[in-house]
Protein backbone atom coordinates (compact mmCIF):
# COMPACT_ATOMS: atom_id res chain seq x y z
CA MET A 1 1.85 28.25 22.50
CA GLN A 2 0.75 28.13 18.86
CA LYS A 3 -2.98 27.67 18.37
CA THR A 4 -4.58 26.44 15.15
CA ALA A 5 -8.28 25.90 14.49
CA LEU A 6 -9.47 23.50 11.79
CA LYS A 7 -13.03 24.03 10.58
CA GLY A 8 -15.00 21.57 8.48
CA ASN A 9 -17.16 18.48 8.74
CA VAL A 10 -15.46 16.96 11.76
CA ILE A 11 -15.53 13.15 11.91
CA LEU A 12 -16.03 12.14 15.54
CA GLU A 13 -16.20 8.61 16.89
CA ASP A 14 -20.02 8.56 16.91
CA LYS A 15 -21.04 11.15 14.31
CA VAL A 16 -19.96 13.78 11.80
CA LEU A 17 -20.11 17.30 13.23
CA SER A 18 -21.07 19.56 10.34
CA GLY A 19 -19.22 22.88 10.41
CA GLY A 20 -17.32 21.85 13.53
CA VAL A 21 -14.06 23.29 14.80
CA VAL A 22 -11.05 21.45 16.18
CA LEU A 23 -8.72 23.67 18.21
CA ILE A 24 -5.08 22.56 18.38
CA GLU A 25 -2.67 23.83 21.02
CA GLY A 26 0.85 22.60 20.52
CA GLU A 27 0.78 18.86 19.81
CA LYS A 28 -2.70 18.15 21.14
CA ILE A 29 -6.37 18.82 20.61
CA SER A 30 -7.59 21.31 23.22
CA THR A 31 -11.27 21.59 22.32
CA VAL A 32 -13.85 20.42 19.80
CA HIS A 33 -17.01 22.46 19.32
CA SER A 34 -19.89 22.95 16.96
CA GLY A 35 -18.55 26.10 15.31
CA GLU A 36 -21.88 27.89 15.65
CA SER A 37 -20.31 30.67 17.70
CA PRO A 38 -17.11 32.54 16.77
CA LEU A 39 -13.81 31.48 18.33
CA GLU A 40 -13.15 33.26 21.60
CA GLU A 41 -9.47 32.32 21.82
CA LYS A 42 -6.95 34.98 20.79
CA ASP A 43 -4.07 34.54 18.36
CA VAL A 44 -5.64 31.55 16.62
CA SER A 45 -4.82 30.65 13.04
CA LEU A 46 -8.11 29.50 11.46
CA MET A 47 -8.01 26.95 8.65
CA ASP A 48 -11.46 26.83 7.06
CA TYR A 49 -11.86 23.63 5.05
CA LYS A 50 -15.47 24.40 4.13
CA ASP A 51 -17.48 21.22 3.41
CA ASN A 52 -14.47 18.92 3.47
CA PHE A 53 -13.88 16.34 6.18
CA VAL A 54 -11.61 16.89 9.18
CA SER A 55 -10.77 13.34 10.20
CA PRO A 56 -8.58 11.55 12.71
CA GLY A 57 -5.27 10.55 11.17
CA LEU A 58 -5.39 7.03 9.75
CA VAL A 59 -3.49 4.15 11.37
CA ASP A 60 -2.28 1.10 9.42
CA LEU A 61 -1.49 -2.08 11.38
CA HIS A 62 0.00 -3.84 8.35
CA HIS A 63 2.34 -1.97 6.02
CA HIS A 64 5.48 -3.37 4.38
CA GLY A 65 6.55 -0.51 2.15
CA ALA A 66 6.07 1.72 -0.89
CA LEU A 67 7.98 3.62 -3.59
CA GLY A 68 10.46 0.76 -4.02
CA LYS A 69 11.32 0.80 -0.31
CA ASP A 70 10.61 -1.93 2.23
CA VAL A 71 10.73 -2.15 6.00
CA MET A 72 12.94 -5.21 5.43
CA ASP A 73 15.59 -2.96 3.85
CA GLY A 74 16.63 -2.25 7.40
CA GLU A 75 17.52 1.32 6.44
CA VAL A 76 16.35 4.58 8.02
CA ASN A 77 16.35 6.24 4.61
CA SER A 78 13.86 3.67 3.32
CA LEU A 79 11.61 4.28 6.32
CA GLU A 80 11.76 8.04 5.75
CA GLN A 81 10.46 7.61 2.22
CA ILE A 82 7.77 5.17 3.36
CA CYS A 83 6.64 7.69 5.98
CA SER A 84 6.39 10.45 3.39
CA TYR A 85 4.22 8.18 1.23
CA GLN A 86 2.01 7.40 4.22
CA ALA A 87 1.47 11.07 5.06
CA ARG A 88 0.41 11.71 1.45
CA HIS A 89 -2.44 9.27 2.00
CA GLY A 90 -3.56 10.50 5.41
CA VAL A 91 -1.74 7.89 7.50
CA THR A 92 -0.28 9.45 10.65
CA GLY A 93 0.86 6.18 12.24
CA PHE A 94 1.58 2.60 11.20
CA LEU A 95 3.29 -0.64 12.17
CA GLY A 96 6.34 -1.44 10.05
CA THR A 97 5.64 -5.01 8.94
CA ILE A 98 8.27 -7.73 8.75
CA MET A 99 8.11 -10.60 6.25
CA SER A 100 9.52 -14.11 6.70
CA ALA A 101 13.29 -13.74 6.72
CA SER A 102 16.38 -14.76 8.63
CA LEU A 103 16.56 -13.66 12.25
CA ASP A 104 19.45 -11.33 11.42
CA SER A 105 17.39 -9.59 8.72
CA MET A 106 14.44 -9.26 11.09
CA LEU A 107 16.65 -7.77 13.82
CA LYS A 108 18.15 -5.33 11.32
CA ALA A 109 14.65 -4.16 10.38
CA VAL A 110 13.68 -3.72 14.04
CA GLU A 111 16.84 -1.70 14.72
CA ALA A 112 16.10 0.58 11.75
CA VAL A 113 12.58 1.20 13.09
CA LYS A 114 14.01 2.14 16.49
CA ASN A 115 16.49 4.53 14.89
CA ALA A 116 13.85 6.08 12.62
CA ARG A 117 11.63 6.74 15.62
CA GLN A 118 14.29 9.07 16.99
CA ILE A 119 13.89 11.57 14.14
CA GLN A 120 10.98 13.77 13.11
CA LEU A 121 9.02 12.06 10.34
CA PRO A 122 5.75 12.97 8.57
CA SER A 123 4.11 9.71 9.70
CA GLU A 124 4.92 7.96 12.95
CA ILE A 125 6.21 4.39 13.01
CA LEU A 126 4.24 3.19 16.02
CA GLY A 127 5.93 -0.19 16.26
CA VAL A 128 6.41 -3.47 14.44
CA HIS A 129 4.13 -6.15 13.06
CA ILE A 130 5.95 -9.46 12.65
CA GLU A 131 3.84 -11.16 10.01
CA GLY A 132 6.32 -13.96 9.34
CA PRO A 133 8.00 -16.38 9.69
CA TYR A 134 5.90 -18.40 12.14
CA SER A 135 3.39 -19.47 9.52
CA SER A 136 1.85 -22.63 8.15
CA PRO A 137 3.62 -23.80 4.98
CA GLN A 138 0.15 -24.68 3.64
CA ARG A 139 -0.99 -21.05 4.08
CA LYS A 140 2.24 -19.21 3.30
CA GLY A 141 0.69 -16.81 0.80
CA ALA A 142 3.54 -14.66 -0.50
CA GLN A 143 5.83 -15.42 2.46
CA ASP A 144 9.18 -16.85 1.34
CA PRO A 145 8.98 -20.62 2.06
CA ASP A 146 12.75 -20.77 2.63
CA PHE A 147 12.33 -18.80 5.85
CA ILE A 148 9.09 -20.21 7.29
CA ARG A 149 9.91 -21.94 10.56
CA GLU A 150 8.57 -22.99 13.93
CA MET A 151 8.99 -20.77 16.94
CA SER A 152 11.91 -21.55 19.22
CA GLN A 153 12.59 -20.36 22.75
CA GLU A 154 16.02 -19.05 21.82
CA GLU A 155 14.81 -17.03 18.82
CA ILE A 156 11.80 -15.56 20.60
CA GLN A 157 13.93 -14.43 23.54
CA VAL A 158 16.31 -12.61 21.18
CA LEU A 159 13.42 -11.05 19.26
CA ILE A 160 11.50 -9.91 22.34
CA LYS A 161 14.63 -8.25 23.71
CA ALA A 162 15.15 -6.40 20.43
CA LEU A 163 11.49 -5.30 20.35
CA SER A 164 11.60 -3.85 23.87
CA GLY A 165 9.91 -0.44 23.96
CA LEU A 166 8.02 -0.96 20.69
CA LYS A 167 4.35 -1.67 20.19
CA THR A 168 4.44 -5.20 18.80
CA LEU A 169 1.94 -7.32 16.89
CA ILE A 170 3.02 -10.89 16.16
CA SER A 171 1.21 -13.15 13.70
CA LEU A 172 1.50 -16.91 14.05
CA ALA A 173 -0.10 -20.20 13.06
CA PRO A 174 -1.05 -21.74 16.43
CA GLU A 175 -1.46 -25.26 15.05
CA VAL A 176 2.17 -25.52 13.89
CA SER A 177 4.42 -27.53 16.21
CA ASN A 178 4.64 -25.80 19.62
CA ASN A 179 3.75 -22.29 18.41
CA ARG A 180 0.68 -22.26 20.63
CA SER A 181 2.83 -22.58 23.76
CA PHE A 182 4.36 -19.16 23.02
CA ILE A 183 1.06 -17.24 22.96
CA LYS A 184 0.78 -16.53 26.69
CA PRO A 185 4.50 -15.72 27.20
CA LEU A 186 4.40 -13.28 24.28
CA ILE A 187 1.35 -11.53 25.70
CA GLU A 188 3.02 -11.34 29.11
CA LYS A 189 5.91 -9.53 27.42
CA GLY A 190 3.49 -6.93 26.03
CA ALA A 191 2.94 -8.23 22.49
CA VAL A 192 -0.45 -8.54 20.81
CA VAL A 193 -0.73 -11.98 19.20
CA SER A 194 -2.64 -12.51 15.97
CA ILE A 195 -3.71 -15.65 14.13
CA GLY A 196 -2.41 -15.48 10.58
CA HIS A 197 -1.12 -17.59 7.71
CA SER A 198 -2.77 -20.46 9.55
CA ASP A 199 -4.32 -23.76 8.49
CA ALA A 200 -5.86 -24.34 11.91
CA THR A 201 -9.20 -26.05 12.31
CA TYR A 202 -12.12 -24.16 13.81
CA GLU A 203 -11.48 -25.89 17.15
CA GLU A 204 -7.73 -25.17 17.11
CA ALA A 205 -8.39 -21.52 16.37
CA LEU A 206 -10.88 -21.22 19.24
CA GLU A 207 -8.36 -22.83 21.61
CA SER A 208 -5.76 -20.27 20.56
CA PHE A 209 -8.24 -17.47 21.33
CA GLU A 210 -8.67 -18.93 24.80
CA ASP A 211 -4.88 -18.73 25.16
CA GLY A 212 -5.00 -15.03 24.38
CA ILE A 213 -4.93 -14.48 20.62
CA SER A 214 -7.09 -11.40 20.13
CA HIS A 215 -6.57 -10.43 16.49
CA ALA A 216 -6.65 -11.95 13.00
CA THR A 217 -4.22 -11.09 10.21
CA HIS A 218 -5.93 -10.17 6.90
CA LEU A 219 -9.19 -12.07 7.45
CA PHE A 220 -10.16 -14.40 4.56
CA ASN A 221 -6.60 -14.44 3.17
CA ALA A 222 -3.94 -17.08 3.92
CA MET A 223 -6.11 -19.01 6.39
CA SER A 224 -8.23 -22.15 6.36
CA GLY A 225 -11.49 -21.42 4.57
CA TYR A 226 -15.09 -21.64 5.64
CA HIS A 227 -17.14 -24.74 4.96
CA HIS A 228 -20.46 -25.38 6.67
CA ARG A 229 -19.12 -28.60 8.18
CA SER A 230 -15.59 -27.31 8.73
CA PRO A 231 -15.63 -23.57 9.50
CA GLY A 232 -11.83 -23.19 9.75
CA VAL A 233 -10.05 -20.06 10.94
CA ILE A 234 -12.47 -17.82 9.06
CA GLY A 235 -15.44 -19.33 10.86
CA ALA A 236 -13.71 -19.10 14.24
CA VAL A 237 -12.85 -15.43 13.76
CA LEU A 238 -16.35 -14.53 12.59
CA ASP A 239 -17.80 -16.50 15.50
CA SER A 240 -15.65 -14.85 18.20
CA PRO A 241 -16.88 -11.37 19.21
CA GLU A 242 -13.72 -10.55 21.17
CA VAL A 243 -11.33 -11.03 18.22
CA THR A 244 -10.56 -8.06 15.97
CA ALA A 245 -9.87 -8.69 12.30
CA GLU A 246 -7.84 -6.99 9.60
CA VAL A 247 -9.39 -6.69 6.15
CA ILE A 248 -7.68 -5.66 2.90
CA ALA A 249 -10.52 -3.78 1.21
CA ASP A 250 -9.01 -3.52 -2.26
CA GLY A 251 -11.49 -5.61 -4.25
CA LEU A 252 -8.77 -8.17 -5.04
CA HIS A 253 -7.99 -9.80 -1.70
CA ILE A 254 -11.68 -9.86 -0.89
CA TYR A 255 -14.91 -9.43 -2.81
CA PRO A 256 -17.05 -6.56 -1.45
CA SER A 257 -19.59 -9.01 -0.01
CA ALA A 258 -16.84 -10.47 2.22
CA LEU A 259 -16.49 -7.12 3.98
CA ARG A 260 -20.27 -6.93 4.36
CA LEU A 261 -20.21 -10.45 5.86
CA ALA A 262 -17.44 -9.53 8.29
CA LEU A 263 -19.32 -6.41 9.37
CA ALA A 264 -22.55 -8.34 9.83
CA ALA A 265 -20.80 -10.96 11.97
CA LYS A 266 -18.48 -8.76 14.00
CA GLY A 267 -19.76 -5.19 13.75
CA PRO A 268 -17.72 -2.15 12.68
CA ASP A 269 -15.96 -1.86 16.06
CA LYS A 270 -14.05 -5.12 15.49
CA ILE A 271 -12.82 -4.55 11.93
CA CYS A 272 -9.52 -2.85 11.08
CA LEU A 273 -8.97 -1.88 7.47
CA ILE A 274 -5.34 -2.34 6.46
CA THR A 275 -3.29 -1.98 3.28
CA ASP A 276 -0.72 -4.83 3.43
CA SER A 277 1.09 -2.40 1.13
CA ILE A 278 4.33 -3.62 -0.46
CA LYS A 279 7.32 -1.82 -2.00
CA ALA A 280 5.63 -1.69 -5.43
CA ALA A 281 2.98 0.71 -4.09
CA GLY A 282 3.23 4.08 -5.77
CA LEU A 283 5.28 2.70 -8.68
CA ASP A 284 4.49 2.00 -12.32
CA ASP A 285 3.56 -1.45 -13.58
CA GLY A 286 6.55 -3.75 -13.79
CA ILE A 287 8.64 -6.49 -12.20
CA TYR A 288 10.03 -5.87 -8.71
CA GLN A 289 12.17 -7.86 -6.29
CA MET A 290 10.65 -8.72 -2.90
CA GLY A 291 13.25 -10.59 -0.87
CA ASN A 292 14.22 -13.61 -2.93
CA GLN A 293 11.03 -13.49 -4.98
CA GLU A 294 9.88 -11.49 -7.99
CA ILE A 295 6.53 -9.72 -8.00
CA GLU A 296 4.65 -8.37 -10.98
CA LEU A 297 2.50 -5.28 -10.67
CA LYS A 298 -0.34 -4.63 -13.12
CA GLY A 299 -2.65 -1.83 -12.15
CA TYR A 300 -3.77 -2.45 -8.56
CA GLU A 301 -2.78 -6.13 -8.69
CA ALA A 302 0.55 -7.43 -7.36
CA ARG A 303 1.36 -11.14 -7.69
CA LEU A 304 4.33 -13.44 -7.30
CA ARG A 305 5.68 -13.81 -10.81
CA LYS A 306 6.02 -17.62 -10.70
CA SER A 307 3.02 -18.83 -8.68
CA ARG A 308 0.66 -15.89 -9.44
CA THR A 309 -0.18 -15.73 -5.73
CA LEU A 310 -1.36 -12.32 -4.52
CA ALA A 311 1.67 -10.63 -2.95
CA GLY A 312 0.34 -7.95 -0.66
CA SER A 313 -1.29 -4.90 -2.18
CA VAL A 314 -0.71 -1.40 -3.47
CA LEU A 315 -3.83 -0.17 -1.68
CA THR A 316 -3.77 3.12 0.21
CA LEU A 317 -5.72 3.47 3.43
CA ASN A 318 -7.74 6.48 2.29
CA ARG A 319 -8.90 4.45 -0.73
CA ALA A 320 -9.83 1.60 1.63
CA VAL A 321 -12.14 4.01 3.49
CA LYS A 322 -13.77 5.07 0.23
CA ASN A 323 -14.20 1.43 -0.83
CA ALA A 324 -15.77 0.50 2.51
CA LEU A 325 -18.28 3.31 2.19
CA GLU A 326 -19.21 2.34 -1.37
CA TRP A 327 -19.43 -1.38 -0.64
CA THR A 328 -21.30 -1.40 2.65
CA GLY A 329 -23.33 1.76 3.17
CA ILE A 330 -21.98 2.21 6.71
CA ALA A 331 -21.70 5.70 8.18
CA VAL A 332 -18.62 7.82 7.46
CA ASN A 333 -17.56 7.83 11.10
CA GLN A 334 -17.77 4.02 11.23
CA ALA A 335 -15.59 3.62 8.13
CA VAL A 336 -13.03 6.05 9.55
CA ASN A 337 -13.07 4.32 12.94
CA MET A 338 -12.01 1.13 11.14
CA THR A 339 -8.85 2.92 10.02
CA SER A 340 -8.15 5.00 13.13
CA LEU A 341 -9.71 4.21 16.50
CA ASN A 342 -10.06 0.43 16.05
CA PRO A 343 -6.39 -0.18 15.15
CA CYS A 344 -5.32 2.07 18.02
CA ARG A 345 -7.37 -0.07 20.38
CA VAL A 346 -5.63 -3.21 19.11
CA ILE A 347 -2.20 -1.90 20.10
CA GLY A 348 -3.28 0.05 23.19
CA LEU A 349 -2.94 3.60 21.89
CA GLU A 350 -6.61 4.61 21.93
CA HIS A 351 -6.10 7.02 24.84
CA GLU A 352 -3.47 8.97 22.88
CA MET A 353 -4.74 8.96 19.30
CA GLY A 354 -7.26 7.44 16.91
CA SER A 355 -10.16 9.84 17.35
CA ILE A 356 -10.79 13.57 17.54
CA GLN A 357 -11.07 14.16 21.25
CA GLU A 358 -9.77 16.71 23.73
CA GLY A 359 -6.38 15.77 25.12
CA LYS A 360 -5.40 13.42 22.30
CA TYR A 361 -2.60 14.12 19.87
CA ALA A 362 -3.61 16.38 16.99
CA ASN A 363 -3.07 13.67 14.37
CA LEU A 364 -5.54 14.81 11.74
CA VAL A 365 -6.21 14.57 8.03
CA VAL A 366 -8.42 16.69 5.80
CA PHE A 367 -10.27 14.77 3.08
CA ASP A 368 -12.45 15.96 0.24
CA LYS A 369 -15.70 14.15 -0.49
CA GLU A 370 -13.82 11.50 -2.52
CA PHE A 371 -11.41 10.91 0.39
CA LYS A 372 -8.48 12.46 -1.40
CA VAL A 373 -6.07 14.05 1.05
CA LEU A 374 -6.00 17.84 1.21
CA GLU A 375 -3.73 18.15 4.25
CA THR A 376 -2.20 15.90 6.93
CA TYR A 377 -1.27 16.98 10.44
CA LEU A 378 0.96 15.04 12.83
CA LYS A 379 0.99 16.21 16.43
CA GLY A 380 -0.30 19.61 15.40
CA ARG A 381 2.11 20.34 12.54
CA SER A 382 1.20 20.19 8.87
CA VAL A 383 3.26 17.41 7.29
CA PHE A 384 1.64 17.14 3.87
CA LYS A 385 -0.30 19.43 1.58
CA PRO A 386 -0.57 18.78 -2.17
């Protein structure tokens, strides 16, 4: 069996191991040690990354697309290109995220994800995040209002059947019609349910957490705001230690102090940095079509052309780590956990990936001090090197 040793500043769950060594055998990590003594194993290929970081591969719970391609294309070729883009930025696994659309379009996207998972890709599509269409019209954000609708028993049954075998995260507004009644049945079918695009009151949000909602979709964005006499969804999420929360740390969707507030309220173990990346990511400034709507990209800012509403981001997850470090002063391992171990915990994959630990998949990324990617490994094989 092929053995490869990666030497560098190894980012573990609880610390950074300076000059550490990660030994890979096949697809998995066999040992992690300090590197003070020479390797005793024979026939090992040593990759010495000097003072650079050897990190767990990043995991994005909320990614729509890049390079002009979208999960909603429903095409394996589009997903292949998205996966290549992800590997370039240190992402070894992500949830393909579905926007508000017709049921047929959603099912087509799910089928494409299933087909893409059958081939070898440079970043693994771990499952699906259904962000729409079960949203509040008042908090639609960039979701297409023509497709926002209440949950129905018939539609959910069809969708759950199609999603069988996939890790699934479903966002919903619990205050809309009878959406709340679907929370427990969805969880019983294996889905993780998230509050998102919701205009719920503080009390309604807390009641939905009691029903089993355990996650919050892009905290601070597209949800009822915080007021000291009406804390809304934001207040409920910050006030509920058991609920994890996504944050788009791009400096546009949130101000840096919002991330500091979230960390102070919830701690770094309950925050998941995400990109909410759209098809315009990786492209030049210009006008792009997103479903039935036009988006305009200028620099790092993507907005609906008509309403000027923020329309997802062109953030990359490695840049989100760098931003978190600069904005908050947290430790490197804590910032990386927010983009690796924490998201894996949300979808129940923490025993397989998300941290550098013996027996886990060798999903690894090598960063320089500025968190630019030097090399990405997926299940022990190098999938990207500039």
